[in-house]
Amino acid sequence: MSALLFALACSTHRTHIEVAGEPIRSTDLAIAAPLFLGDMDADDSDPFLRNTYVGNLIFSGGFVTENTADGMFNVSKQIEPSNQQKYRGQVRDWLADTLGKPNTDLNAPPPPPRRRERRGSTSRDGRDNISLPRIDFVPVDGGNFERPVLVPWVVSYLSHNAGWFFGQEYGTGAGARIRILLVAYDTDGTVIGWTDVDGSRTSERVFSPTGPQLQDLLIDLEKRVGRKLD
């Protein structure tokens, strides 16, 4: 089995392998600069609700309960975005250190992955630092590349103080979350394989973190997620 397929098959969280023709070696893959999934959302969509946010979140004002078609959901009354450009630079640098520096340009980038709402619930729903409902992402064929390419899709890269994500029952302390979708495409845009790595870090003792404490949370999570991506 090729190095690429072995790496994808051994990654944690949700991994899917689809191969057409001969296996491809990881050394044959070019590496693209990260694509930010939130950039593909509609202009009026909320990256906090769609879980495609990159940056720091500042919660304040307690929580409110919203009545939706799917039920009653708690959420922080005030949510202020910050450090968005800084965190974009951080995640680019971290992915370059983890996967290798980008060595190709995407003249015809692939279409964004298809979103699919996950059915049912998990034991962490209501406490986890993610807005409900949970979403799965399925890569879509498309694009035109000079050689097979590995594209990192940044789904989310964030930190936050204590507060309520949409759908939390009890709220959460300060924390961080990173979700990266790695997709390998053949030259004609066919999806060769992909892995979806989602990492979470929360603290039950830190509620109003300083800037260095937020970076500590992200650094710890980068190490954990990086091992999965490796």
C-alpha atoms as a PDB file:
ATOM      1  CA  MET A   1       0.000   0.000   0.000  1.00  0.00           C
ATOM      2  CA  SER A   2       1.313   3.465  -0.821  1.00  0.00           C
ATOM      3  CA  ALA A   3       2.507   5.910   1.838  1.00  0.00           C
ATOM      4  CA  LEU A   4      -0.410   8.249   1.101  1.00  0.00           C
ATOM      5  CA  LEU A   5      -3.082   5.602   1.481  1.00  0.00           C
ATOM      6  CA  PHE A   6      -1.474   4.267   4.633  1.00  0.00           C
ATOM      7  CA  ALA A   7      -1.383   7.726   6.175  1.00  0.00           C
ATOM      8  CA  LEU A   8      -4.995   8.453   5.306  1.00  0.00           C
ATOM      9  CA  ALA A   9      -6.182   5.092   6.516  1.00  0.00           C
ATOM     10  CA  CYS A  10      -4.486   5.502   9.898  1.00  0.00           C
ATOM     11  CA  SER A  11      -5.691   9.033  10.608  1.00  0.00           C
ATOM     12  CA  THR A  12      -8.324   9.406  13.297  1.00  0.00           C
ATOM     13  CA  HIS A  13     -11.809  10.936  13.356  1.00  0.00           C
ATOM     14  CA  ARG A  14     -13.525  10.385   9.992  1.00  0.00           C
ATOM     15  CA  THR A  15     -11.492   8.951   7.143  1.00  0.00           C
ATOM     16  CA  HIS A  16     -12.636   7.894   3.679  1.00  0.00           C
ATOM     17  CA  ILE A  17     -10.606   6.231   0.959  1.00  0.00           C
ATOM     18  CA  GLU A  18     -11.667   6.013  -2.663  1.00  0.00           C
ATOM     19  CA  VAL A  19      -9.083   5.005  -5.224  1.00  0.00           C
ATOM     20  CA  ALA A  20      -9.457   4.758  -8.994  1.00  0.00           C
ATOM     21  CA  GLY A  21      -6.644   3.073 -10.899  1.00  0.00           C
ATOM     22  CA  GLU A  22      -3.138   2.679  -9.477  1.00  0.00           C
ATOM     23  CA  PRO A  23      -2.345   3.803  -5.909  1.00  0.00           C
ATOM     24  CA  ILE A  24      -0.485   7.074  -5.726  1.00  0.00           C
ATOM     25  CA  ARG A  25       2.535   7.701  -3.518  1.00  0.00           C
ATOM     26  CA  SER A  26       2.648  10.629  -1.118  1.00  0.00           C
ATOM     27  CA  THR A  27       5.906  11.769  -2.748  1.00  0.00           C
ATOM     28  CA  ASP A  28       3.984  12.242  -6.019  1.00  0.00           C
ATOM     29  CA  LEU A  29       1.652  14.772  -4.433  1.00  0.00           C
ATOM     30  CA  ALA A  30       2.070  18.506  -4.712  1.00  0.00           C
ATOM     31  CA  ILE A  31       1.002  20.535  -1.674  1.00  0.00           C
ATOM     32  CA  ALA A  32      -1.384  23.460  -2.073  1.00  0.00           C
ATOM     33  CA  ALA A  33      -1.773  26.473   0.172  1.00  0.00           C
ATOM     34  CA  PRO A  34      -4.711  26.106   2.572  1.00  0.00           C
ATOM     35  CA  LEU A  35      -8.224  26.969   1.425  1.00  0.00           C
ATOM     36  CA  PHE A  36     -10.545  28.484   4.032  1.00  0.00           C
ATOM     37  CA  LEU A  37     -13.976  26.913   3.920  1.00  0.00           C
ATOM     38  CA  GLY A  38     -15.583  30.004   5.468  1.00  0.00           C
ATOM     39  CA  ASP A  39     -14.546  31.996   2.388  1.00  0.00           C
ATOM     40  CA  MET A  40     -16.840  29.771   0.321  1.00  0.00           C
ATOM     41  CA  ASP A  41     -19.921  30.422   2.488  1.00  0.00           C
ATOM     42  CA  ALA A  42     -22.607  32.832   1.374  1.00  0.00           C
ATOM     43  CA  ASP A  43     -21.960  36.459   2.321  1.00  0.00           C
ATOM     44  CA  ASP A  44     -24.895  36.502   4.746  1.00  0.00           C
ATOM     45  CA  SER A  45     -23.994  33.245   6.515  1.00  0.00           C
ATOM     46  CA  ASP A  46     -22.595  33.217  10.061  1.00  0.00           C
ATOM     47  CA  PRO A  47     -19.279  31.302  10.333  1.00  0.00           C
ATOM     48  CA  PHE A  48     -19.912  30.894  14.088  1.00  0.00           C
ATOM     49  CA  LEU A  49     -23.136  29.012  13.418  1.00  0.00           C
ATOM     50  CA  ARG A  50     -21.704  27.116  10.435  1.00  0.00           C
ATOM     51  CA  ASN A  51     -18.538  26.167  12.371  1.00  0.00           C
ATOM     52  CA  THR A  52     -16.257  27.651   9.721  1.00  0.00           C
ATOM     53  CA  TYR A  53     -14.768  30.409  11.885  1.00  0.00           C
ATOM     54  CA  VAL A  54     -11.071  31.322  12.027  1.00  0.00           C
ATOM     55  CA  GLY A  55     -10.059  33.677  14.844  1.00  0.00           C
ATOM     56  CA  ASN A  56     -10.721  34.334  18.527  1.00  0.00           C
ATOM     57  CA  LEU A  57     -14.248  34.605  19.959  1.00  0.00           C
ATOM     58  CA  ILE A  58     -15.111  36.840  22.916  1.00  0.00           C
ATOM     59  CA  PHE A  59     -18.345  35.844  24.664  1.00  0.00           C
ATOM     60  CA  SER A  60     -20.133  38.213  27.059  1.00  0.00           C
ATOM     61  CA  GLY A  61     -23.523  39.133  28.502  1.00  0.00           C
ATOM     62  CA  GLY A  62     -24.587  35.679  29.681  1.00  0.00           C
ATOM     63  CA  PHE A  63     -26.790  33.624  27.382  1.00  0.00           C
ATOM     64  CA  VAL A  64     -30.151  33.834  25.666  1.00  0.00           C
ATOM     65  CA  THR A  65     -32.430  31.007  24.557  1.00  0.00           C
ATOM     66  CA  GLU A  66     -33.559  31.018  20.938  1.00  0.00           C
ATOM     67  CA  ASN A  67     -36.614  29.163  19.724  1.00  0.00           C
ATOM     68  CA  THR A  68     -35.931  27.537  16.351  1.00  0.00           C
ATOM     69  CA  ALA A  69     -37.706  25.020  14.165  1.00  0.00           C
ATOM     70  CA  ASP A  70     -35.429  22.339  15.629  1.00  0.00           C
ATOM     71  CA  GLY A  71     -36.019  23.253  19.281  1.00  0.00           C
ATOM     72  CA  MET A  72     -34.750  25.607  21.988  1.00  0.00           C
ATOM     73  CA  PHE A  73     -31.054  26.516  21.832  1.00  0.00           C
ATOM     74  CA  ASN A  74     -28.887  28.494  24.232  1.00  0.00           C
ATOM     75  CA  VAL A  75     -26.216  30.843  22.883  1.00  0.00           C
ATOM     76  CA  SER A  76     -24.104  33.683  24.290  1.00  0.00           C
ATOM     77  CA  LYS A  77     -25.872  37.025  24.173  1.00  0.00           C
ATOM     78  CA  GLN A  78     -22.886  38.846  22.688  1.00  0.00           C
ATOM     79  CA  ILE A  79     -20.173  37.291  20.498  1.00  0.00           C
ATOM     80  CA  GLU A  80     -17.304  39.479  19.303  1.00  0.00           C
ATOM     81  CA  PRO A  81     -14.863  38.209  16.645  1.00  0.00           C
ATOM     82  CA  SER A  82     -11.184  39.117  16.953  1.00  0.00           C
ATOM     83  CA  ASN A  83      -7.685  38.197  15.683  1.00  0.00           C
ATOM     84  CA  GLN A  84      -9.064  36.804  12.429  1.00  0.00           C
ATOM     85  CA  GLN A  85      -6.140  37.789  10.188  1.00  0.00           C
ATOM     86  CA  LYS A  86      -3.601  36.838  12.855  1.00  0.00           C
ATOM     87  CA  TYR A  87      -5.079  33.356  13.182  1.00  0.00           C
ATOM     88  CA  ARG A  88      -5.153  32.889   9.403  1.00  0.00           C
ATOM     89  CA  GLY A  89      -1.412  33.474   9.392  1.00  0.00           C
ATOM     90  CA  GLN A  90      -0.930  31.094  12.308  1.00  0.00           C
ATOM     91  CA  VAL A  91      -2.820  28.230  10.723  1.00  0.00           C
ATOM     92  CA  ARG A  92      -0.964  28.713   7.411  1.00  0.00           C
ATOM     93  CA  ASP A  93       2.402  28.561   9.200  1.00  0.00           C
ATOM     94  CA  TRP A  94       1.377  25.553  11.295  1.00  0.00           C
ATOM     95  CA  LEU A  95       0.138  23.584   8.267  1.00  0.00           C
ATOM     96  CA  ALA A  96       3.338  24.396   6.358  1.00  0.00           C
ATOM     97  CA  ASP A  97       5.377  23.058   9.282  1.00  0.00           C
ATOM     98  CA  THR A  98       3.163  19.961   9.542  1.00  0.00           C
ATOM     99  CA  LEU A  99       2.547  19.037   5.897  1.00  0.00           C
ATOM    100  CA  GLY A 100       5.364  20.819   4.115  1.00  0.00           C
ATOM    101  CA  LYS A 101       5.505  24.196   2.427  1.00  0.00           C
ATOM    102  CA  PRO A 102       3.050  24.745  -0.459  1.00  0.00           C
ATOM    103  CA  ASN A 103       4.761  24.048  -3.784  1.00  0.00           C
ATOM    104  CA  THR A 104       1.962  24.525  -6.323  1.00  0.00           C
ATOM    105  CA  ASP A 105      -0.661  27.103  -7.260  1.00  0.00           C
ATOM    106  CA  LEU A 106      -4.303  26.173  -7.763  1.00  0.00           C
ATOM    107  CA  ASN A 107      -5.197  27.791 -11.066  1.00  0.00           C
ATOM    108  CA  ALA A 108      -8.599  26.072 -11.005  1.00  0.00           C
ATOM    109  CA  PRO A 109      -9.354  25.349  -7.331  1.00  0.00           C
ATOM    110  CA  PRO A 110     -11.683  22.500  -6.416  1.00  0.00           C
ATOM    111  CA  PRO A 111     -15.286  23.188  -5.372  1.00  0.00           C
ATOM    112  CA  PRO A 112     -16.018  23.304  -1.633  1.00  0.00           C
ATOM    113  CA  PRO A 113     -16.950  20.024   0.027  1.00  0.00           C
ATOM    114  CA  ARG A 114     -20.599  19.106   0.362  1.00  0.00           C
ATOM    115  CA  ARG A 115     -22.143  19.639   3.794  1.00  0.00           C
ATOM    116  CA  ARG A 116     -24.240  16.940   5.421  1.00  0.00           C
ATOM    117  CA  GLU A 117     -25.970  17.384   8.775  1.00  0.00           C
ATOM    118  CA  ARG A 118     -25.098  14.580  11.157  1.00  0.00           C
ATOM    119  CA  ARG A 119     -28.091  12.772  12.594  1.00  0.00           C
ATOM    120  CA  GLY A 120     -28.483  11.924  16.269  1.00  0.00           C
ATOM    121  CA  SER A 121     -26.424  13.246  19.196  1.00  0.00           C
ATOM    122  CA  THR A 122     -23.210  12.577  21.109  1.00  0.00           C
ATOM    123  CA  SER A 123     -22.378  12.652  24.814  1.00  0.00           C
ATOM    124  CA  ARG A 124     -20.531  15.965  24.336  1.00  0.00           C
ATOM    125  CA  ASP A 125     -23.429  17.802  22.709  1.00  0.00           C
ATOM    126  CA  GLY A 126     -24.521  20.665  24.948  1.00  0.00           C
ATOM    127  CA  ARG A 127     -21.021  21.074  26.399  1.00  0.00           C
ATOM    128  CA  ASP A 128     -18.650  20.870  23.438  1.00  0.00           C
ATOM    129  CA  ASN A 129     -17.158  24.046  21.937  1.00  0.00           C
ATOM    130  CA  ILE A 130     -19.007  23.696  18.651  1.00  0.00           C
ATOM    131  CA  SER A 131     -22.327  25.068  17.422  1.00  0.00           C
ATOM    132  CA  LEU A 132     -25.046  22.504  16.770  1.00  0.00           C
ATOM    133  CA  PRO A 133     -25.981  20.753  14.585  1.00  0.00           C
ATOM    134  CA  ARG A 134     -22.771  18.889  13.820  1.00  0.00           C
ATOM    135  CA  ILE A 135     -21.839  18.748  10.151  1.00  0.00           C
ATOM    136  CA  ASP A 136     -19.948  16.214   8.052  1.00  0.00           C
ATOM    137  CA  PHE A 137     -18.066  17.313   4.955  1.00  0.00           C
ATOM    138  CA  VAL A 138     -17.763  15.211   1.794  1.00  0.00           C
ATOM    139  CA  PRO A 139     -15.232  16.365  -0.846  1.00  0.00           C
ATOM    140  CA  VAL A 140     -16.477  16.928  -4.377  1.00  0.00           C
ATOM    141  CA  ASP A 141     -14.641  16.150  -7.619  1.00  0.00           C
ATOM    142  CA  GLY A 142     -13.488  19.190  -9.553  1.00  0.00           C
ATOM    143  CA  GLY A 143     -10.521  21.308 -10.541  1.00  0.00           C
ATOM    144  CA  ASN A 144      -7.639  20.875 -12.942  1.00  0.00           C
ATOM    145  CA  PHE A 145      -4.089  20.350 -11.679  1.00  0.00           C
ATOM    146  CA  GLU A 146      -0.665  19.842 -13.214  1.00  0.00           C
ATOM    147  CA  ARG A 147      -0.003  16.917 -10.857  1.00  0.00           C
ATOM    148  CA  PRO A 148      -1.904  15.141  -8.084  1.00  0.00           C
ATOM    149  CA  VAL A 149      -2.264  17.569  -5.200  1.00  0.00           C
ATOM    150  CA  LEU A 150      -2.991  17.562  -1.482  1.00  0.00           C
ATOM    151  CA  VAL A 151      -5.324  20.428  -0.498  1.00  0.00           C
ATOM    152  CA  PRO A 152      -5.780  21.381   3.169  1.00  0.00           C
ATOM    153  CA  TRP A 153      -9.257  22.802   3.764  1.00  0.00           C
ATOM    154  CA  VAL A 154      -9.323  24.862   6.977  1.00  0.00           C
ATOM    155  CA  VAL A 155     -12.777  24.269   8.410  1.00  0.00           C
ATOM    156  CA  SER A 156     -12.115  26.018  11.736  1.00  0.00           C
ATOM    157  CA  TYR A 157      -9.181  27.309  13.776  1.00  0.00           C
ATOM    158  CA  LEU A 158     -10.345  29.228  16.828  1.00  0.00           C
ATOM    159  CA  SER A 159      -9.950  30.051  20.499  1.00  0.00           C
ATOM    160  CA  HIS A 160     -12.473  31.505  22.944  1.00  0.00           C
ATOM    161  CA  ASN A 161     -13.173  32.586  26.500  1.00  0.00           C
ATOM    162  CA  ALA A 162     -15.953  31.092  28.620  1.00  0.00           C
ATOM    163  CA  GLY A 163     -19.403  31.252  27.032  1.00  0.00           C
ATOM    164  CA  TRP A 164     -22.081  29.425  25.100  1.00  0.00           C
ATOM    165  CA  PHE A 165     -21.773  28.038  21.612  1.00  0.00           C
ATOM    166  CA  PHE A 166     -25.104  27.640  19.842  1.00  0.00           C
ATOM    167  CA  GLY A 167     -26.908  24.681  21.363  1.00  0.00           C
ATOM    168  CA  GLN A 168     -24.877  24.384  24.577  1.00  0.00           C
ATOM    169  CA  GLU A 169     -26.799  23.473  27.687  1.00  0.00           C
ATOM    170  CA  TYR A 170     -24.160  24.396  30.261  1.00  0.00           C
ATOM    171  CA  GLY A 171     -21.646  26.503  28.333  1.00  0.00           C
ATOM    172  CA  THR A 172     -17.908  25.929  28.413  1.00  0.00           C
ATOM    173  CA  GLY A 173     -14.725  27.394  29.827  1.00  0.00           C
ATOM    174  CA  ALA A 174     -11.978  28.868  27.692  1.00  0.00           C
ATOM    175  CA  GLY A 175     -10.796  26.640  24.885  1.00  0.00           C
ATOM    176  CA  ALA A 176      -9.725  26.098  21.305  1.00  0.00           C
ATOM    177  CA  ARG A 177     -10.823  24.044  18.323  1.00  0.00           C
ATOM    178  CA  ILE A 178      -9.139  23.018  15.082  1.00  0.00           C
ATOM    179  CA  ARG A 179     -10.740  21.132  12.199  1.00  0.00           C
ATOM    180  CA  ILE A 180      -8.820  20.365   9.014  1.00  0.00           C
ATOM    181  CA  LEU A 181     -10.103  18.464   5.985  1.00  0.00           C
ATOM    182  CA  LEU A 182      -7.205  17.039   3.938  1.00  0.00           C
ATOM    183  CA  VAL A 183      -8.194  16.079   0.407  1.00  0.00           C
ATOM    184  CA  ALA A 184      -6.028  14.464  -2.269  1.00  0.00           C
ATOM    185  CA  TYR A 185      -7.056  15.185  -5.879  1.00  0.00           C
ATOM    186  CA  ASP A 186      -5.866  13.595  -9.109  1.00  0.00           C
ATOM    187  CA  THR A 187      -4.902  15.804 -12.071  1.00  0.00           C
ATOM    188  CA  ASP A 188      -8.447  15.733 -13.476  1.00  0.00           C
ATOM    189  CA  GLY A 189      -9.930  16.782 -10.111  1.00  0.00           C
ATOM    190  CA  THR A 190     -11.034  13.300  -9.056  1.00  0.00           C
ATOM    191  CA  VAL A 191     -10.957  12.878  -5.291  1.00  0.00           C
ATOM    192  CA  ILE A 192      -8.392  10.171  -4.455  1.00  0.00           C
ATOM    193  CA  GLY A 193      -8.892  10.179  -0.685  1.00  0.00           C
ATOM    194  CA  TRP A 194      -9.480  12.386   2.299  1.00  0.00           C
ATOM    195  CA  THR A 195      -9.301  12.598   6.062  1.00  0.00           C
ATOM    196  CA  ASP A 196     -11.288  14.857   8.408  1.00  0.00           C
ATOM    197  CA  VAL A 197      -9.477  15.688  11.660  1.00  0.00           C
ATOM    198  CA  ASP A 198     -11.366  17.590  14.357  1.00  0.00           C
ATOM    199  CA  GLY A 199      -9.649  18.483  17.652  1.00  0.00           C
ATOM    200  CA  SER A 200     -11.072  20.205  20.729  1.00  0.00           C
ATOM    201  CA  ARG A 201      -9.486  21.646  23.884  1.00  0.00           C
ATOM    202  CA  THR A 202     -11.383  23.215  26.794  1.00  0.00           C
ATOM    203  CA  SER A 203     -10.418  24.228  30.321  1.00  0.00           C
ATOM    204  CA  GLU A 204     -12.710  23.921  33.338  1.00  0.00           C
ATOM    205  CA  ARG A 205     -10.512  26.333  35.341  1.00  0.00           C
ATOM    206  CA  VAL A 206      -9.835  29.162  32.870  1.00  0.00           C
ATOM    207  CA  PHE A 207     -12.746  31.455  32.028  1.00  0.00           C
ATOM    208  CA  SER A 208     -11.182  34.812  31.072  1.00  0.00           C
ATOM    209  CA  PRO A 209      -7.911  33.853  29.376  1.00  0.00           C
ATOM    210  CA  THR A 210      -5.091  36.225  28.556  1.00  0.00           C
ATOM    211  CA  GLY A 211      -3.579  36.316  25.075  1.00  0.00           C
ATOM    212  CA  PRO A 212      -0.696  33.995  26.063  1.00  0.00           C
ATOM    213  CA  GLN A 213      -3.147  31.541  27.657  1.00  0.00           C
ATOM    214  CA  LEU A 214      -5.157  31.422  24.418  1.00  0.00           C
ATOM    215  CA  GLN A 215      -1.961  30.650  22.533  1.00  0.00           C
ATOM    216  CA  ASP A 216      -1.124  27.910  25.055  1.00  0.00           C
ATOM    217  CA  LEU A 217      -4.472  26.249  24.273  1.00  0.00           C
ATOM    218  CA  LEU A 218      -3.868  26.498  20.520  1.00  0.00           C
ATOM    219  CA  ILE A 219      -0.268  25.244  20.749  1.00  0.00           C
ATOM    220  CA  ASP A 220      -1.356  22.198  22.746  1.00  0.00           C
ATOM    221  CA  LEU A 221      -4.142  21.468  20.277  1.00  0.00           C
ATOM    222  CA  GLU A 222      -1.850  21.975  17.260  1.00  0.00           C
ATOM    223  CA  LYS A 223       0.434  19.260  18.623  1.00  0.00           C
ATOM    224  CA  ARG A 224      -2.445  16.818  19.081  1.00  0.00           C
ATOM    225  CA  VAL A 225      -4.053  17.526  15.710  1.00  0.00           C
ATOM    226  CA  GLY A 226      -0.645  17.617  14.018  1.00  0.00           C
ATOM    227  CA  ARG A 227       0.066  14.061  15.150  1.00  0.00           C
ATOM    228  CA  LYS A 228      -3.174  12.951  13.505  1.00  0.00           C
ATOM    229  CA  LEU A 229      -2.370  14.792  10.280  1.00  0.00           C
ATOM    230  CA  ASP A 230       1.150  13.386  10.217  1.00  0.00           C
END
